[in-house]
Amino acid sequence: MKDFLKQAQKLQAQLLEQLRAIRVEGSAGGGMVRIDMDGEQNVHAVKIEPQVLEEKDVAMLEDLIVAAFHDARKKILEKTQESVKSITGLPLPF
């Protein structure tokens, strides 16, 4: 049992290390809004093309930001699933 716990802690540490190394860019509006996020879902940057601001459509900009965020989260989930599978050989259940 003790060895099992040590192995589980080691796998957890490996997974955390891989999650911290993940970086993705989510985008929306054909790249007009981009969000840079890490594997722990921390947002590091939001980039908005000046053209979007020229239109002065706040609702559209808000929608693009939300869509870019969701795109980034989806990419993180995919990469997380890949990491878990590579470490454990088992896919995540979601």
C-alpha atoms as a PDB file:
ATOM      1  CA  MET A   1       0.000   0.000   0.000  1.00  0.00           C
ATOM      2  CA  LYS A   2       2.854   2.351   0.855  1.00  0.00           C
ATOM      3  CA  ASP A   3       4.480   1.738  -2.541  1.00  0.00           C
ATOM      4  CA  PHE A   4       1.161   2.388  -4.262  1.00  0.00           C
ATOM      5  CA  LEU A   5       0.867   5.782  -2.546  1.00  0.00           C
ATOM      6  CA  LYS A   6       4.429   6.714  -3.486  1.00  0.00           C
ATOM      7  CA  GLN A   7       3.755   5.762  -7.092  1.00  0.00           C
ATOM      8  CA  ALA A   8       0.515   7.773  -7.097  1.00  0.00           C
ATOM      9  CA  GLN A   9       2.353  10.830  -5.716  1.00  0.00           C
ATOM     10  CA  LYS A  10       5.031  10.441  -8.373  1.00  0.00           C
ATOM     11  CA  LEU A  11       2.394  10.270 -11.139  1.00  0.00           C
ATOM     12  CA  GLN A  12       0.647  13.308  -9.684  1.00  0.00           C
ATOM     13  CA  ALA A  13       3.907  15.267  -9.646  1.00  0.00           C
ATOM     14  CA  GLN A  14       4.618  14.279 -13.267  1.00  0.00           C
ATOM     15  CA  LEU A  15       1.170  15.339 -14.362  1.00  0.00           C
ATOM     16  CA  LEU A  16       1.427  18.673 -12.545  1.00  0.00           C
ATOM     17  CA  GLU A  17       4.798  19.317 -14.188  1.00  0.00           C
ATOM     18  CA  GLN A  18       3.323  18.607 -17.612  1.00  0.00           C
ATOM     19  CA  LEU A  19       0.283  20.784 -16.926  1.00  0.00           C
ATOM     20  CA  ARG A  20       2.514  23.697 -15.991  1.00  0.00           C
ATOM     21  CA  ALA A  21       4.373  23.301 -19.290  1.00  0.00           C
ATOM     22  CA  ILE A  22       1.222  23.452 -21.428  1.00  0.00           C
ATOM     23  CA  ARG A  23       0.621  26.740 -23.238  1.00  0.00           C
ATOM     24  CA  VAL A  24      -2.208  27.263 -25.699  1.00  0.00           C
ATOM     25  CA  GLU A  25      -3.693  30.106 -27.645  1.00  0.00           C
ATOM     26  CA  GLY A  26      -7.437  30.238 -28.037  1.00  0.00           C
ATOM     27  CA  SER A  27      -8.853  32.464 -30.722  1.00  0.00           C
ATOM     28  CA  ALA A  28     -12.103  33.795 -32.103  1.00  0.00           C
ATOM     29  CA  GLY A  29     -13.201  35.942 -34.997  1.00  0.00           C
ATOM     30  CA  GLY A  30     -10.569  34.525 -37.324  1.00  0.00           C
ATOM     31  CA  GLY A  31      -7.818  35.414 -34.868  1.00  0.00           C
ATOM     32  CA  MET A  32      -9.104  38.896 -34.136  1.00  0.00           C
ATOM     33  CA  VAL A  33      -9.144  38.031 -30.415  1.00  0.00           C
ATOM     34  CA  ARG A  34      -6.556  35.656 -28.941  1.00  0.00           C
ATOM     35  CA  ILE A  35      -6.067  34.414 -25.395  1.00  0.00           C
ATOM     36  CA  ASP A  36      -2.837  32.818 -24.157  1.00  0.00           C
ATOM     37  CA  MET A  37      -3.457  30.336 -21.334  1.00  0.00           C
ATOM     38  CA  ASP A  38      -1.415  27.734 -19.456  1.00  0.00           C
ATOM     39  CA  GLY A  39      -2.330  24.210 -18.410  1.00  0.00           C
ATOM     40  CA  GLU A  40      -3.557  25.409 -15.023  1.00  0.00           C
ATOM     41  CA  GLN A  41      -6.011  27.674 -16.877  1.00  0.00           C
ATOM     42  CA  ASN A  42      -4.225  30.887 -15.952  1.00  0.00           C
ATOM     43  CA  VAL A  43      -4.651  33.588 -18.591  1.00  0.00           C
ATOM     44  CA  HIS A  44      -1.301  35.158 -19.504  1.00  0.00           C
ATOM     45  CA  ALA A  45      -2.340  37.485 -22.314  1.00  0.00           C
ATOM     46  CA  VAL A  46      -5.322  38.790 -24.224  1.00  0.00           C
ATOM     47  CA  LYS A  47      -4.621  40.178 -27.687  1.00  0.00           C
ATOM     48  CA  ILE A  48      -7.206  42.178 -29.601  1.00  0.00           C
ATOM     49  CA  GLU A  49      -6.637  43.325 -33.156  1.00  0.00           C
ATOM     50  CA  PRO A  50      -7.195  47.090 -33.533  1.00  0.00           C
ATOM     51  CA  GLN A  51      -9.821  46.514 -36.244  1.00  0.00           C
ATOM     52  CA  VAL A  52     -12.191  45.062 -33.633  1.00  0.00           C
ATOM     53  CA  LEU A  53     -11.951  48.245 -31.574  1.00  0.00           C
ATOM     54  CA  GLU A  54     -12.591  50.461 -34.585  1.00  0.00           C
ATOM     55  CA  GLU A  55     -16.048  48.935 -34.964  1.00  0.00           C
ATOM     56  CA  LYS A  56     -16.945  50.067 -31.419  1.00  0.00           C
ATOM     57  CA  ASP A  57     -19.263  47.087 -31.009  1.00  0.00           C
ATOM     58  CA  VAL A  58     -18.801  46.232 -27.327  1.00  0.00           C
ATOM     59  CA  ALA A  59     -21.195  43.271 -27.400  1.00  0.00           C
ATOM     60  CA  MET A  60     -19.307  41.690 -30.312  1.00  0.00           C
ATOM     61  CA  LEU A  61     -15.971  42.184 -28.545  1.00  0.00           C
ATOM     62  CA  GLU A  62     -17.342  40.611 -25.376  1.00  0.00           C
ATOM     63  CA  ASP A  63     -18.607  37.619 -27.381  1.00  0.00           C
ATOM     64  CA  LEU A  64     -15.238  37.224 -29.107  1.00  0.00           C
ATOM     65  CA  ILE A  65     -13.382  37.268 -25.785  1.00  0.00           C
ATOM     66  CA  VAL A  66     -15.681  34.608 -24.335  1.00  0.00           C
ATOM     67  CA  ALA A  67     -15.342  32.470 -27.470  1.00  0.00           C
ATOM     68  CA  ALA A  68     -11.529  32.768 -27.423  1.00  0.00           C
ATOM     69  CA  PHE A  69     -11.477  31.798 -23.748  1.00  0.00           C
ATOM     70  CA  HIS A  70     -13.617  28.718 -24.418  1.00  0.00           C
ATOM     71  CA  ASP A  71     -11.389  27.781 -27.357  1.00  0.00           C
ATOM     72  CA  ALA A  72      -8.310  27.988 -25.115  1.00  0.00           C
ATOM     73  CA  ARG A  73      -9.968  25.875 -22.385  1.00  0.00           C
ATOM     74  CA  LYS A  74     -10.949  23.247 -24.967  1.00  0.00           C
ATOM     75  CA  LYS A  75      -7.347  23.050 -26.177  1.00  0.00           C
ATOM     76  CA  ILE A  76      -6.081  22.722 -22.595  1.00  0.00           C
ATOM     77  CA  LEU A  77      -8.523  19.890 -21.957  1.00  0.00           C
ATOM     78  CA  GLU A  78      -7.291  18.073 -25.050  1.00  0.00           C
ATOM     79  CA  LYS A  79      -3.644  18.515 -24.055  1.00  0.00           C
ATOM     80  CA  THR A  80      -4.420  17.481 -20.470  1.00  0.00           C
ATOM     81  CA  GLN A  81      -6.051  14.307 -21.729  1.00  0.00           C
ATOM     82  CA  GLU A  82      -2.968  13.599 -23.848  1.00  0.00           C
ATOM     83  CA  SER A  83      -0.699  14.155 -20.840  1.00  0.00           C
ATOM     84  CA  VAL A  84      -2.715  11.891 -18.552  1.00  0.00           C
ATOM     85  CA  LYS A  85      -2.819   9.175 -21.193  1.00  0.00           C
ATOM     86  CA  SER A  86       0.942   9.410 -21.808  1.00  0.00           C
ATOM     87  CA  ILE A  87       1.708   9.130 -18.074  1.00  0.00           C
ATOM     88  CA  THR A  88      -0.877   6.583 -16.995  1.00  0.00           C
ATOM     89  CA  GLY A  89      -1.897   4.896 -20.221  1.00  0.00           C
ATOM     90  CA  LEU A  90      -5.508   5.695 -19.320  1.00  0.00           C
ATOM     91  CA  PRO A  91      -7.735   8.331 -20.905  1.00  0.00           C
ATOM     92  CA  LEU A  92      -9.597  10.853 -18.769  1.00  0.00           C
ATOM     93  CA  PRO A  93     -13.305  10.109 -18.485  1.00  0.00           C
ATOM     94  CA  PHE A  94     -14.352  13.443 -20.049  1.00  0.00           C
END
